[in-house]
Amino acid sequence: MPPTGRAVRSCSVRSRTGTLFLDRLGNARPGRLDVRHRLGAARVDLHGRWRADAEIDLDLAFASGELRLPNDVRIEGLGLPIVFPTKREIPPPTLQIGAHSSLGGIRVSY
């Protein structure tokens, strides 16, 4: 998916059963992303062209999940601040991430 012309203020995804795949969400550049999945598996890919800070909330119940992080942003909220090396002259955007799984766990990959 190519980047959107303008950043999306907010994006909310609700899924009840099955397998949820969300790919390259950074190209939508949401200021706030809220993903809730109830039963099954979920893969949330945050790769893409982030240009501004964002708040991200991932809530899984009776689901296993994978959260794919981009490498050109600062990550906060997953236990430790993560800053990937970058060649940017300005500081990278910060993604404030809250992730919760009541059963099944969430695997984080880069």
Protein backbone atom coordinates (compact mmCIF):
# COMPACT_ATOMS: atom_id res chain seq x y z
CA MET A 1 0.00 0.00 0.00
CA PRO A 2 1.52 3.38 -0.95
CA PRO A 3 1.43 6.24 1.57
CA THR A 4 -1.78 8.22 1.83
CA GLY A 5 -1.81 11.83 0.61
CA ARG A 6 -2.56 13.07 4.11
CA ALA A 7 -2.12 11.53 7.52
CA VAL A 8 -5.17 9.81 8.97
CA ARG A 9 -6.18 11.36 12.30
CA SER A 10 -7.45 8.11 13.78
CA CYS A 11 -7.92 4.49 12.71
CA SER A 12 -9.94 1.92 14.65
CA VAL A 13 -10.14 -1.78 13.76
CA ARG A 14 -12.51 -4.25 15.47
CA SER A 15 -12.45 -7.94 14.64
CA ARG A 16 -14.30 -10.76 16.40
CA THR A 17 -13.12 -14.10 14.97
CA GLY A 18 -10.70 -15.50 12.45
CA THR A 19 -7.29 -14.28 11.36
CA LEU A 20 -6.60 -10.56 11.16
CA PHE A 21 -3.83 -9.23 8.89
CA LEU A 22 -3.05 -5.50 8.90
CA ASP A 23 -0.04 -4.63 6.73
CA ARG A 24 2.12 -1.50 6.35
CA LEU A 25 -0.08 0.67 8.57
CA GLY A 26 2.67 3.29 8.76
CA ASN A 27 1.70 4.36 5.24
CA ALA A 28 -1.66 5.59 6.58
CA ARG A 29 0.28 7.59 9.21
CA PRO A 30 -2.51 7.51 11.82
CA GLY A 31 -2.13 9.80 14.81
CA ARG A 32 -4.00 7.18 16.83
CA LEU A 33 -4.41 3.49 16.00
CA ASP A 34 -6.70 1.25 18.04
CA VAL A 35 -6.84 -2.47 17.15
CA ARG A 36 -9.02 -4.97 19.03
CA HIS A 37 -9.27 -8.63 18.04
CA ARG A 38 -11.24 -11.19 20.04
CA LEU A 39 -10.63 -14.75 18.79
CA GLY A 40 -8.00 -16.22 16.49
CA ALA A 41 -4.68 -14.78 15.34
CA ALA A 42 -3.64 -11.24 14.51
CA ARG A 43 -0.64 -9.81 12.67
CA VAL A 44 -0.23 -6.04 12.87
CA ASP A 45 2.54 -4.65 10.67
CA LEU A 46 3.53 -1.05 11.49
CA HIS A 47 6.04 -0.68 8.65
CA GLY A 48 5.63 2.29 6.33
CA ARG A 49 6.48 5.99 6.16
CA TRP A 50 5.78 7.40 9.61
CA ARG A 51 6.25 11.18 9.66
CA ALA A 52 4.77 12.11 13.05
CA ASP A 53 4.33 10.69 16.54
CA ALA A 54 1.46 8.23 17.09
CA GLU A 55 -0.37 6.38 19.85
CA ILE A 56 -1.03 2.71 19.18
CA ASP A 57 -3.15 0.33 21.24
CA LEU A 58 -3.33 -3.38 20.48
CA ASP A 59 -5.75 -5.46 22.57
CA LEU A 60 -6.13 -9.19 21.92
CA ALA A 61 -8.46 -11.57 23.80
CA PHE A 62 -8.25 -15.33 23.22
CA ALA A 63 -5.88 -14.56 20.36
CA SER A 64 -2.21 -14.88 19.58
CA GLY A 65 -0.56 -11.95 17.90
CA GLU A 66 2.46 -10.65 16.09
CA LEU A 67 3.42 -6.98 16.18
CA ARG A 68 5.92 -6.00 13.46
CA LEU A 69 7.82 -2.81 14.27
CA PRO A 70 9.42 -0.47 11.74
CA ASN A 71 13.11 0.33 12.16
CA ASP A 72 13.07 4.07 11.44
CA VAL A 73 11.06 5.28 14.47
CA ARG A 74 11.44 5.49 18.23
CA ILE A 75 9.36 2.94 20.15
CA GLU A 76 8.05 3.58 23.66
CA GLY A 77 5.74 1.52 25.86
CA LEU A 78 6.91 -2.05 25.27
CA GLY A 79 9.07 -2.19 28.37
CA LEU A 80 12.02 -0.10 27.17
CA PRO A 81 12.45 2.82 24.79
CA ILE A 82 13.80 1.47 21.51
CA VAL A 83 15.64 3.74 19.10
CA PHE A 84 16.92 2.27 15.87
CA PRO A 85 19.97 3.84 14.20
CA THR A 86 18.87 6.27 11.52
CA LYS A 87 20.44 8.64 9.02
CA ARG A 88 17.74 11.28 9.58
CA GLU A 89 18.82 14.82 10.42
CA ILE A 90 15.69 15.35 12.52
CA PRO A 91 14.58 13.05 15.37
CA PRO A 92 12.49 10.08 14.23
CA PRO A 93 8.78 9.91 15.08
CA THR A 94 7.85 8.21 18.35
CA LEU A 95 5.30 5.40 18.43
CA GLN A 96 3.80 5.05 21.90
CA ILE A 97 2.59 1.45 21.96
CA GLY A 98 0.30 -0.29 24.41
CA ALA A 99 -0.14 -4.01 23.77
CA HIS A 100 -2.20 -6.48 25.79
CA SER A 101 -3.22 -10.09 25.29
CA SER A 102 -5.44 -11.85 27.81
CA LEU A 103 -4.59 -15.29 26.37
CA GLY A 104 -2.11 -16.30 23.69
CA GLY A 105 0.59 -13.62 23.91
CA ILE A 106 2.04 -11.13 21.47
CA ARG A 107 5.31 -11.72 19.64
CA VAL A 108 7.23 -8.57 18.68
CA SER A 109 9.47 -8.59 15.62
CA TYR A 110 11.46 -5.96 13.72
